[in-house]
Amino acid sequence: MKPQTLWRVSVETTAEAEEALLPLFERLLGQTPSTYTDVETGDVTASVFLPKLLNKNSLWSEFRAAFQHLRLCGLDPGRGVVSVMRVRKRDWTESWKRHFKPFVVGGRLLVKPSWSKRKPRAGQSVVVIDPGLSFGTGQHPTTRFCLEHLVAARDFSKIQGFLDIGTGSGILAIAAAKLGYRPVRAFDFDPAAVRVAKGNARRNGVRPRITRGDLTKMRGGRQKYDVVCANLTADVLESCADRVASFVKPGGWLAIAGILRTQIFSVRKCFELRGFVSKKARSEGEWESLLLKCAN
């Protein structure tokens, strides 16, 4: 049988421009890219894998226009090199084996790919997740921020619930279930993300409730959770602040990841007006993640 081939479309950029390019990938290529960050240089490579190649000239033109727009907005996209390469599916898998290494979060959580033989230490829960064609593995700093808080907030003397708004690969919901959060619920607007997240949960032997949902059309949270993670754009967070806030228990935690530094003040103020107190922030280039506590 002839080996299956894929087309890899990659863009070399910077950490500060990474999030801003995601909507362009989704619009042009119908996928959220997988990203790889060079720990020595800080350079980011965002890639998607397609069964059919789109018009190259059109792609390059769209990305060049996007880079120019980012510069006008004050973001540095770096060299902005776009490359298109035909690869065997087997070669794609092997390349990720070189890049995706196991990592530990807070001493209690080991995240690793299926091919890793690394064993957990005593007291460590294990999340096994492989790179998909477009969904993340938890290596992005904003996802790690949420993972770190999941570990830090876990009180094993209590029953604690967790909600993931915009679950993507499902890694946060899986990690929460492994850490003993109950109940665990996650939803995403993208049906492909829901399908991938459910598959990842099955492979990890956990059964969080993962559904397709549109936050902008929800009435609010009847059930409240001790920890809520929301990986959403600033405009959605602000317009749906009442709905997001309604999911958090009094005294509970809300983690917001991947907001532009220029937008974080208005997002934080939006939730402070709803009874939240900012407890922790982390900057990654032009991006910021925020941890808030519900004081009401």
C-alpha atoms as a PDB file:
ATOM      1  CA  MET A   1       0.000   0.000   0.000  1.00  0.00           C
ATOM      2  CA  LYS A   2       1.327   3.444  -0.905  1.00  0.00           C
ATOM      3  CA  PRO A   3       2.241   5.439   2.240  1.00  0.00           C
ATOM      4  CA  GLN A   4      -0.284   8.132   3.130  1.00  0.00           C
ATOM      5  CA  THR A   5       1.071  11.658   2.642  1.00  0.00           C
ATOM      6  CA  LEU A   6       0.216  14.976   4.206  1.00  0.00           C
ATOM      7  CA  TRP A   7       1.089  18.569   3.432  1.00  0.00           C
ATOM      8  CA  ARG A   8       2.719  20.467   6.290  1.00  0.00           C
ATOM      9  CA  VAL A   9       2.169  24.221   6.286  1.00  0.00           C
ATOM     10  CA  SER A  10       4.487  25.897   8.809  1.00  0.00           C
ATOM     11  CA  VAL A  11       5.049  29.467   9.887  1.00  0.00           C
ATOM     12  CA  GLU A  12       8.102  30.641  11.829  1.00  0.00           C
ATOM     13  CA  THR A  13       7.159  33.431  14.211  1.00  0.00           C
ATOM     14  CA  THR A  14       7.699  34.762  17.730  1.00  0.00           C
ATOM     15  CA  ALA A  15       6.053  33.954  21.065  1.00  0.00           C
ATOM     16  CA  GLU A  16       4.372  37.354  21.193  1.00  0.00           C
ATOM     17  CA  ALA A  17       2.735  36.906  17.769  1.00  0.00           C
ATOM     18  CA  GLU A  18       1.823  33.233  18.175  1.00  0.00           C
ATOM     19  CA  GLU A  19      -1.693  33.641  19.573  1.00  0.00           C
ATOM     20  CA  ALA A  20      -2.549  36.417  17.121  1.00  0.00           C
ATOM     21  CA  LEU A  21      -1.847  34.087  14.186  1.00  0.00           C
ATOM     22  CA  LEU A  22      -4.180  31.311  15.398  1.00  0.00           C
ATOM     23  CA  PRO A  23      -7.396  32.813  13.946  1.00  0.00           C
ATOM     24  CA  LEU A  24      -5.675  33.131  10.554  1.00  0.00           C
ATOM     25  CA  PHE A  25      -4.784  29.421  10.532  1.00  0.00           C
ATOM     26  CA  GLU A  26      -8.365  28.577  11.455  1.00  0.00           C
ATOM     27  CA  ARG A  27      -9.809  30.832   8.747  1.00  0.00           C
ATOM     28  CA  LEU A  28      -7.469  29.790   5.930  1.00  0.00           C
ATOM     29  CA  LEU A  29      -6.765  26.162   6.800  1.00  0.00           C
ATOM     30  CA  GLY A  30      -9.636  25.146   9.047  1.00  0.00           C
ATOM     31  CA  GLN A  31      -7.336  24.041  11.878  1.00  0.00           C
ATOM     32  CA  THR A  32      -5.704  25.377  15.000  1.00  0.00           C
ATOM     33  CA  PRO A  33      -1.960  24.786  14.563  1.00  0.00           C
ATOM     34  CA  SER A  34       0.328  22.639  16.653  1.00  0.00           C
ATOM     35  CA  THR A  35       3.210  24.759  17.936  1.00  0.00           C
ATOM     36  CA  TYR A  36       6.820  24.019  18.819  1.00  0.00           C
ATOM     37  CA  THR A  37       8.964  26.469  20.785  1.00  0.00           C
ATOM     38  CA  ASP A  38      12.759  26.349  20.586  1.00  0.00           C
ATOM     39  CA  VAL A  39      13.801  26.668  24.236  1.00  0.00           C
ATOM     40  CA  GLU A  40      17.158  28.198  23.300  1.00  0.00           C
ATOM     41  CA  THR A  41      16.035  30.881  20.842  1.00  0.00           C
ATOM     42  CA  GLY A  42      12.397  31.311  21.885  1.00  0.00           C
ATOM     43  CA  ASP A  43      11.327  31.038  18.226  1.00  0.00           C
ATOM     44  CA  VAL A  44       7.959  29.435  17.572  1.00  0.00           C
ATOM     45  CA  THR A  45       6.996  27.200  14.652  1.00  0.00           C
ATOM     46  CA  ALA A  46       3.257  26.788  14.084  1.00  0.00           C
ATOM     47  CA  SER A  47       2.197  23.932  11.787  1.00  0.00           C
ATOM     48  CA  VAL A  48      -0.880  22.248  10.409  1.00  0.00           C
ATOM     49  CA  PHE A  49      -1.047  19.022   8.400  1.00  0.00           C
ATOM     50  CA  LEU A  50      -3.436  18.824   5.467  1.00  0.00           C
ATOM     51  CA  PRO A  51      -4.487  15.891   3.274  1.00  0.00           C
ATOM     52  CA  LYS A  52      -4.675  18.266   0.282  1.00  0.00           C
ATOM     53  CA  LEU A  53      -2.569  21.289  -0.548  1.00  0.00           C
ATOM     54  CA  LEU A  54      -4.303  24.627  -1.011  1.00  0.00           C
ATOM     55  CA  ASN A  55      -3.120  27.339  -3.390  1.00  0.00           C
ATOM     56  CA  LYS A  56       0.436  28.235  -2.294  1.00  0.00           C
ATOM     57  CA  ASN A  57       0.439  31.743  -3.715  1.00  0.00           C
ATOM     58  CA  SER A  58      -2.815  32.579  -1.976  1.00  0.00           C
ATOM     59  CA  LEU A  59      -1.488  31.258   1.334  1.00  0.00           C
ATOM     60  CA  TRP A  60       1.735  33.253   1.135  1.00  0.00           C
ATOM     61  CA  SER A  61      -0.187  36.407   0.201  1.00  0.00           C
ATOM     62  CA  GLU A  62      -2.579  36.020   3.148  1.00  0.00           C
ATOM     63  CA  PHE A  63       0.210  35.377   5.649  1.00  0.00           C
ATOM     64  CA  ARG A  64       2.317  38.290   4.361  1.00  0.00           C
ATOM     65  CA  ALA A  65      -0.681  40.589   4.816  1.00  0.00           C
ATOM     66  CA  ALA A  66      -1.185  39.193   8.330  1.00  0.00           C
ATOM     67  CA  PHE A  67       2.458  39.829   9.269  1.00  0.00           C
ATOM     68  CA  GLN A  68       2.180  43.406   8.077  1.00  0.00           C
ATOM     69  CA  HIS A  69      -0.997  43.889  10.115  1.00  0.00           C
ATOM     70  CA  LEU A  70       0.700  42.513  13.244  1.00  0.00           C
ATOM     71  CA  ARG A  71       3.566  44.958  12.822  1.00  0.00           C
ATOM     72  CA  LEU A  72       1.110  47.846  12.503  1.00  0.00           C
ATOM     73  CA  CYS A  73      -0.472  46.658  15.765  1.00  0.00           C
ATOM     74  CA  GLY A  74       2.903  46.749  17.508  1.00  0.00           C
ATOM     75  CA  LEU A  75       3.567  42.997  17.538  1.00  0.00           C
ATOM     76  CA  ASP A  76       6.785  41.502  16.217  1.00  0.00           C
ATOM     77  CA  PRO A  77       6.030  38.418  14.058  1.00  0.00           C
ATOM     78  CA  GLY A  78       9.740  37.777  13.466  1.00  0.00           C
ATOM     79  CA  ARG A  79      10.881  36.715  10.023  1.00  0.00           C
ATOM     80  CA  GLY A  80       7.465  35.268   9.262  1.00  0.00           C
ATOM     81  CA  VAL A  81       8.803  32.500   7.046  1.00  0.00           C
ATOM     82  CA  VAL A  82       6.063  30.320   5.526  1.00  0.00           C
ATOM     83  CA  SER A  83       7.023  26.857   4.324  1.00  0.00           C
ATOM     84  CA  VAL A  84       5.039  24.121   2.620  1.00  0.00           C
ATOM     85  CA  MET A  85       6.365  20.566   2.583  1.00  0.00           C
ATOM     86  CA  ARG A  86       4.998  17.199   1.559  1.00  0.00           C
ATOM     87  CA  VAL A  87       5.575  14.584   4.283  1.00  0.00           C
ATOM     88  CA  ARG A  88       4.666  10.986   4.877  1.00  0.00           C
ATOM     89  CA  LYS A  89       2.322  10.538   7.802  1.00  0.00           C
ATOM     90  CA  ARG A  90       4.901   8.222   9.354  1.00  0.00           C
ATOM     91  CA  ASP A  91       7.586  10.929   9.083  1.00  0.00           C
ATOM     92  CA  TRP A  92       5.257  13.435  10.765  1.00  0.00           C
ATOM     93  CA  THR A  93       4.780  11.095  13.701  1.00  0.00           C
ATOM     94  CA  GLU A  94       8.505  10.461  14.074  1.00  0.00           C
ATOM     95  CA  SER A  95       9.292  14.180  14.048  1.00  0.00           C
ATOM     96  CA  TRP A  96       6.987  14.778  16.998  1.00  0.00           C
ATOM     97  CA  LYS A  97       8.742  12.010  18.935  1.00  0.00           C
ATOM     98  CA  ARG A  98      11.900  14.122  18.823  1.00  0.00           C
ATOM     99  CA  HIS A  99      10.170  17.301  19.985  1.00  0.00           C
ATOM    100  CA  PHE A 100       7.547  16.245  22.539  1.00  0.00           C
ATOM    101  CA  LYS A 101       9.182  15.256  25.814  1.00  0.00           C
ATOM    102  CA  PRO A 102       7.508  14.338  29.135  1.00  0.00           C
ATOM    103  CA  PHE A 103       7.167  17.077  31.737  1.00  0.00           C
ATOM    104  CA  VAL A 104       6.081  17.257  35.375  1.00  0.00           C
ATOM    105  CA  VAL A 105       3.660  19.795  36.826  1.00  0.00           C
ATOM    106  CA  GLY A 106       3.820  20.649  40.509  1.00  0.00           C
ATOM    107  CA  GLY A 107       5.361  17.313  41.392  1.00  0.00           C
ATOM    108  CA  ARG A 108       1.962  15.590  41.164  1.00  0.00           C
ATOM    109  CA  LEU A 109       1.270  15.391  37.447  1.00  0.00           C
ATOM    110  CA  LEU A 110       3.354  13.685  34.737  1.00  0.00           C
ATOM    111  CA  VAL A 111       2.340  14.576  31.166  1.00  0.00           C
ATOM    112  CA  LYS A 112       3.889  12.360  28.506  1.00  0.00           C
ATOM    113  CA  PRO A 113       3.344  10.959  24.993  1.00  0.00           C
ATOM    114  CA  SER A 114       2.374   7.322  24.554  1.00  0.00           C
ATOM    115  CA  TRP A 115       5.819   6.335  23.275  1.00  0.00           C
ATOM    116  CA  SER A 116       7.599   7.584  26.411  1.00  0.00           C
ATOM    117  CA  LYS A 117       8.746   4.903  28.863  1.00  0.00           C
ATOM    118  CA  ARG A 118       9.119   7.356  31.713  1.00  0.00           C
ATOM    119  CA  LYS A 119       7.526   6.068  34.915  1.00  0.00           C
ATOM    120  CA  PRO A 120       5.691   8.276  37.409  1.00  0.00           C
ATOM    121  CA  ARG A 121       7.093   8.803  40.852  1.00  0.00           C
ATOM    122  CA  ALA A 122       5.104   7.936  43.939  1.00  0.00           C
ATOM    123  CA  GLY A 123       2.039  10.156  44.181  1.00  0.00           C
ATOM    124  CA  GLN A 124       2.184  11.322  40.552  1.00  0.00           C
ATOM    125  CA  SER A 125      -0.848  11.047  38.262  1.00  0.00           C
ATOM    126  CA  VAL A 126      -0.113  10.395  34.583  1.00  0.00           C
ATOM    127  CA  VAL A 127      -1.702  12.069  31.559  1.00  0.00           C
ATOM    128  CA  VAL A 128      -0.842  10.377  28.252  1.00  0.00           C
ATOM    129  CA  ILE A 129      -1.472  12.582  25.239  1.00  0.00           C
ATOM    130  CA  ASP A 130      -0.040  12.455  21.723  1.00  0.00           C
ATOM    131  CA  PRO A 131       0.162  15.368  19.295  1.00  0.00           C
ATOM    132  CA  GLY A 132      -2.764  15.414  16.903  1.00  0.00           C
ATOM    133  CA  LEU A 133      -2.883  17.084  13.517  1.00  0.00           C
ATOM    134  CA  SER A 134      -3.978  20.339  15.139  1.00  0.00           C
ATOM    135  CA  PHE A 135      -4.527  19.983  18.878  1.00  0.00           C
ATOM    136  CA  GLY A 136      -2.109  20.799  21.681  1.00  0.00           C
ATOM    137  CA  THR A 137      -0.231  18.686  24.188  1.00  0.00           C
ATOM    138  CA  GLY A 138       0.013  21.090  27.119  1.00  0.00           C
ATOM    139  CA  GLN A 139       3.471  22.404  26.290  1.00  0.00           C
ATOM    140  CA  HIS A 140       2.250  25.928  25.588  1.00  0.00           C
ATOM    141  CA  PRO A 141       3.010  28.222  28.575  1.00  0.00           C
ATOM    142  CA  THR A 142      -0.622  29.326  28.940  1.00  0.00           C
ATOM    143  CA  THR A 143      -1.794  25.711  29.181  1.00  0.00           C
ATOM    144  CA  ARG A 144       0.944  24.975  31.692  1.00  0.00           C
ATOM    145  CA  PHE A 145      -0.286  27.921  33.752  1.00  0.00           C
ATOM    146  CA  CYS A 146      -3.697  26.243  34.015  1.00  0.00           C
ATOM    147  CA  LEU A 147      -2.160  22.825  34.725  1.00  0.00           C
ATOM    148  CA  GLU A 148      -0.044  24.292  37.504  1.00  0.00           C
ATOM    149  CA  HIS A 149      -3.086  25.817  39.162  1.00  0.00           C
ATOM    150  CA  LEU A 150      -5.063  22.580  38.823  1.00  0.00           C
ATOM    151  CA  VAL A 151      -2.362  20.889  40.879  1.00  0.00           C
ATOM    152  CA  ALA A 152      -1.969  23.759  43.354  1.00  0.00           C
ATOM    153  CA  ALA A 153      -5.714  24.097  43.975  1.00  0.00           C
ATOM    154  CA  ARG A 154      -6.363  20.400  44.589  1.00  0.00           C
ATOM    155  CA  ASP A 155      -7.355  19.720  48.197  1.00  0.00           C
ATOM    156  CA  PHE A 156      -7.512  15.949  48.596  1.00  0.00           C
ATOM    157  CA  SER A 157      -9.575  16.294  51.765  1.00  0.00           C
ATOM    158  CA  LYS A 158     -12.466  17.785  49.762  1.00  0.00           C
ATOM    159  CA  ILE A 159     -14.672  17.019  46.779  1.00  0.00           C
ATOM    160  CA  GLN A 160     -13.876  19.650  44.148  1.00  0.00           C
ATOM    161  CA  GLY A 161     -15.452  20.218  40.735  1.00  0.00           C
ATOM    162  CA  PHE A 162     -13.716  21.472  37.598  1.00  0.00           C
ATOM    163  CA  LEU A 163     -14.941  23.119  34.383  1.00  0.00           C
ATOM    164  CA  ASP A 164     -12.880  23.720  31.228  1.00  0.00           C
ATOM    165  CA  ILE A 165     -14.344  26.306  28.833  1.00  0.00           C
ATOM    166  CA  GLY A 166     -12.752  25.850  25.395  1.00  0.00           C
ATOM    167  CA  THR A 167     -11.194  22.459  26.052  1.00  0.00           C
ATOM    168  CA  GLY A 168      -9.236  21.866  22.815  1.00  0.00           C
ATOM    169  CA  SER A 169      -7.407  18.548  23.228  1.00  0.00           C
ATOM    170  CA  GLY A 170      -9.102  17.958  26.580  1.00  0.00           C
ATOM    171  CA  ILE A 171      -5.803  17.917  28.456  1.00  0.00           C
ATOM    172  CA  LEU A 172      -7.046  20.075  31.351  1.00  0.00           C
ATOM    173  CA  ALA A 173     -10.186  17.998  31.848  1.00  0.00           C
ATOM    174  CA  ILE A 174      -8.162  14.777  31.710  1.00  0.00           C
ATOM    175  CA  ALA A 175      -5.625  16.140  34.190  1.00  0.00           C
ATOM    176  CA  ALA A 176      -8.428  17.240  36.510  1.00  0.00           C
ATOM    177  CA  ALA A 177     -10.021  13.791  36.415  1.00  0.00           C
ATOM    178  CA  LYS A 178      -6.645  12.160  37.098  1.00  0.00           C
ATOM    179  CA  LEU A 179      -6.126  14.462  40.087  1.00  0.00           C
ATOM    180  CA  GLY A 180      -9.473  13.432  41.526  1.00  0.00           C
ATOM    181  CA  TYR A 181     -11.663  16.437  40.730  1.00  0.00           C
ATOM    182  CA  ARG A 182     -15.363  15.481  40.646  1.00  0.00           C
ATOM    183  CA  PRO A 183     -17.388  16.347  38.685  1.00  0.00           C
ATOM    184  CA  VAL A 184     -15.283  17.301  35.651  1.00  0.00           C
ATOM    185  CA  ARG A 185     -16.985  19.000  32.723  1.00  0.00           C
ATOM    186  CA  ALA A 186     -15.529  20.483  29.540  1.00  0.00           C
ATOM    187  CA  PHE A 187     -16.988  21.990  26.399  1.00  0.00           C
ATOM    188  CA  ASP A 188     -15.806  23.529  23.145  1.00  0.00           C
ATOM    189  CA  PHE A 189     -17.530  25.217  20.236  1.00  0.00           C
ATOM    190  CA  ASP A 190     -15.475  23.225  17.685  1.00  0.00           C
ATOM    191  CA  PRO A 191     -16.957  19.726  17.085  1.00  0.00           C
ATOM    192  CA  ALA A 192     -13.545  18.427  15.961  1.00  0.00           C
ATOM    193  CA  ALA A 193     -12.044  19.495  19.293  1.00  0.00           C
ATOM    194  CA  VAL A 194     -14.824  17.684  21.161  1.00  0.00           C
ATOM    195  CA  ARG A 195     -14.188  14.498  19.167  1.00  0.00           C
ATOM    196  CA  VAL A 196     -10.432  14.639  19.841  1.00  0.00           C
ATOM    197  CA  ALA A 197     -10.917  15.446  23.531  1.00  0.00           C
ATOM    198  CA  LYS A 198     -13.284  12.511  24.014  1.00  0.00           C
ATOM    199  CA  GLY A 199     -10.813  10.171  22.319  1.00  0.00           C
ATOM    200  CA  ASN A 200      -7.972  11.414  24.518  1.00  0.00           C
ATOM    201  CA  ALA A 201     -10.104  10.926  27.633  1.00  0.00           C
ATOM    202  CA  ARG A 202     -10.909   7.339  26.653  1.00  0.00           C
ATOM    203  CA  ARG A 203      -7.237   6.565  26.101  1.00  0.00           C
ATOM    204  CA  ASN A 204      -6.502   7.874  29.587  1.00  0.00           C
ATOM    205  CA  GLY A 205      -9.216   5.768  31.191  1.00  0.00           C
ATOM    206  CA  VAL A 206     -11.226   8.734  32.483  1.00  0.00           C
ATOM    207  CA  ARG A 207     -14.718   9.931  31.644  1.00  0.00           C
ATOM    208  CA  PRO A 208     -15.113  13.674  32.110  1.00  0.00           C
ATOM    209  CA  ARG A 209     -18.284  15.078  30.581  1.00  0.00           C
ATOM    210  CA  ILE A 210     -17.112  16.631  27.300  1.00  0.00           C
ATOM    211  CA  THR A 211     -19.721  18.278  25.080  1.00  0.00           C
ATOM    212  CA  ARG A 212     -20.072  20.799  22.288  1.00  0.00           C
ATOM    213  CA  GLY A 213     -21.243  24.140  23.603  1.00  0.00           C
ATOM    214  CA  ASP A 214     -21.496  27.779  22.588  1.00  0.00           C
ATOM    215  CA  LEU A 215     -20.776  30.024  25.569  1.00  0.00           C
ATOM    216  CA  THR A 216     -22.331  33.043  23.836  1.00  0.00           C
ATOM    217  CA  LYS A 217     -25.731  31.285  23.813  1.00  0.00           C
ATOM    218  CA  MET A 218     -25.697  29.794  27.299  1.00  0.00           C
ATOM    219  CA  ARG A 219     -28.005  31.131  30.003  1.00  0.00           C
ATOM    220  CA  GLY A 220     -25.472  30.669  32.776  1.00  0.00           C
ATOM    221  CA  GLY A 221     -24.176  28.038  35.109  1.00  0.00           C
ATOM    222  CA  ARG A 222     -26.723  26.133  37.141  1.00  0.00           C
ATOM    223  CA  GLN A 223     -23.903  23.994  38.479  1.00  0.00           C
ATOM    224  CA  LYS A 224     -20.938  25.789  40.009  1.00  0.00           C
ATOM    225  CA  TYR A 225     -17.331  24.594  40.177  1.00  0.00           C
ATOM    226  CA  ASP A 226     -14.387  25.058  42.503  1.00  0.00           C
ATOM    227  CA  VAL A 227     -11.975  25.644  39.609  1.00  0.00           C
ATOM    228  CA  VAL A 228     -12.831  27.005  36.154  1.00  0.00           C
ATOM    229  CA  CYS A 229     -10.389  27.477  33.258  1.00  0.00           C
ATOM    230  CA  ALA A 230     -11.344  29.690  30.319  1.00  0.00           C
ATOM    231  CA  ASN A 231      -9.056  29.762  27.295  1.00  0.00           C
ATOM    232  CA  LEU A 232     -10.993  32.342  25.292  1.00  0.00           C
ATOM    233  CA  THR A 233     -10.362  35.608  23.451  1.00  0.00           C
ATOM    234  CA  ALA A 234     -10.657  38.870  25.374  1.00  0.00           C
ATOM    235  CA  ASP A 235     -13.776  39.993  23.520  1.00  0.00           C
ATOM    236  CA  VAL A 236     -15.609  36.738  24.325  1.00  0.00           C
ATOM    237  CA  LEU A 237     -14.502  36.858  27.979  1.00  0.00           C
ATOM    238  CA  GLU A 238     -15.796  40.395  28.358  1.00  0.00           C
ATOM    239  CA  SER A 239     -19.068  39.896  26.502  1.00  0.00           C
ATOM    240  CA  CYS A 240     -19.741  36.616  28.350  1.00  0.00           C
ATOM    241  CA  ALA A 241     -18.320  37.640  31.738  1.00  0.00           C
ATOM    242  CA  ASP A 242     -21.631  37.097  33.535  1.00  0.00           C
ATOM    243  CA  ARG A 243     -21.907  33.566  32.128  1.00  0.00           C
ATOM    244  CA  VAL A 244     -18.288  32.676  32.955  1.00  0.00           C
ATOM    245  CA  ALA A 245     -18.630  34.116  36.471  1.00  0.00           C
ATOM    246  CA  SER A 246     -21.839  32.155  37.049  1.00  0.00           C
ATOM    247  CA  PHE A 247     -19.912  28.860  36.823  1.00  0.00           C
ATOM    248  CA  VAL A 248     -17.531  29.690  39.704  1.00  0.00           C
ATOM    249  CA  LYS A 249     -18.428  28.823  43.293  1.00  0.00           C
ATOM    250  CA  PRO A 250     -18.052  31.488  45.994  1.00  0.00           C
ATOM    251  CA  GLY A 251     -14.427  31.164  47.065  1.00  0.00           C
ATOM    252  CA  GLY A 252     -13.632  29.313  43.838  1.00  0.00           C
ATOM    253  CA  TRP A 253     -10.923  29.970  41.272  1.00  0.00           C
ATOM    254  CA  LEU A 254     -10.993  31.224  37.680  1.00  0.00           C
ATOM    255  CA  ALA A 255      -7.917  30.814  35.459  1.00  0.00           C
ATOM    256  CA  ILE A 256      -7.803  32.856  32.252  1.00  0.00           C
ATOM    257  CA  ALA A 257      -5.033  32.085  29.781  1.00  0.00           C
ATOM    258  CA  GLY A 258      -3.590  33.788  26.712  1.00  0.00           C
ATOM    259  CA  ILE A 259      -4.830  37.397  26.812  1.00  0.00           C
ATOM    260  CA  LEU A 260      -2.889  40.213  25.147  1.00  0.00           C
ATOM    261  CA  ARG A 261      -1.066  42.359  27.676  1.00  0.00           C
ATOM    262  CA  THR A 262      -2.849  45.383  26.205  1.00  0.00           C
ATOM    263  CA  GLN A 263      -6.209  43.708  26.928  1.00  0.00           C
ATOM    264  CA  ILE A 264      -5.574  42.215  30.349  1.00  0.00           C
ATOM    265  CA  PHE A 265      -6.503  45.359  32.302  1.00  0.00           C
ATOM    266  CA  SER A 266      -9.998  45.543  30.819  1.00  0.00           C
ATOM    267  CA  VAL A 267     -10.548  41.776  31.226  1.00  0.00           C
ATOM    268  CA  ARG A 268      -9.374  41.860  34.839  1.00  0.00           C
ATOM    269  CA  LYS A 269     -11.526  44.904  35.594  1.00  0.00           C
ATOM    270  CA  CYS A 270     -14.514  43.169  34.027  1.00  0.00           C
ATOM    271  CA  PHE A 271     -14.268  40.281  36.491  1.00  0.00           C
ATOM    272  CA  GLU A 272     -13.310  42.447  39.459  1.00  0.00           C
ATOM    273  CA  LEU A 273     -16.625  44.255  38.983  1.00  0.00           C
ATOM    274  CA  ARG A 274     -18.271  40.838  39.364  1.00  0.00           C
ATOM    275  CA  GLY A 275     -16.670  40.059  42.708  1.00  0.00           C
ATOM    276  CA  PHE A 276     -13.361  38.492  41.652  1.00  0.00           C
ATOM    277  CA  VAL A 277      -9.963  39.330  43.106  1.00  0.00           C
ATOM    278  CA  SER A 278      -6.784  38.999  41.030  1.00  0.00           C
ATOM    279  CA  LYS A 279      -4.333  36.654  42.791  1.00  0.00           C
ATOM    280  CA  LYS A 280      -1.658  35.785  40.248  1.00  0.00           C
ATOM    281  CA  ALA A 281      -0.534  36.842  36.773  1.00  0.00           C
ATOM    282  CA  ARG A 282       2.103  35.535  34.408  1.00  0.00           C
ATOM    283  CA  SER A 283       3.515  37.266  31.320  1.00  0.00           C
ATOM    284  CA  GLU A 284       4.746  35.423  28.224  1.00  0.00           C
ATOM    285  CA  GLY A 285       5.934  37.971  25.672  1.00  0.00           C
ATOM    286  CA  GLU A 286       2.888  40.055  24.789  1.00  0.00           C
ATOM    287  CA  TRP A 287       0.550  37.569  26.442  1.00  0.00           C
ATOM    288  CA  GLU A 288      -0.670  37.244  29.997  1.00  0.00           C
ATOM    289  CA  SER A 289      -2.442  34.599  32.030  1.00  0.00           C
ATOM    290  CA  LEU A 290      -4.484  35.492  35.083  1.00  0.00           C
ATOM    291  CA  LEU A 291      -5.722  33.704  38.182  1.00  0.00           C
ATOM    292  CA  LEU A 292      -8.722  35.174  40.008  1.00  0.00           C
ATOM    293  CA  LYS A 293     -10.607  34.193  43.157  1.00  0.00           C
ATOM    294  CA  CYS A 294     -14.360  34.592  43.506  1.00  0.00           C
ATOM    295  CA  ALA A 295     -14.886  36.640  46.677  1.00  0.00           C
ATOM    296  CA  ASN A 296     -18.709  36.520  46.611  1.00  0.00           C
END
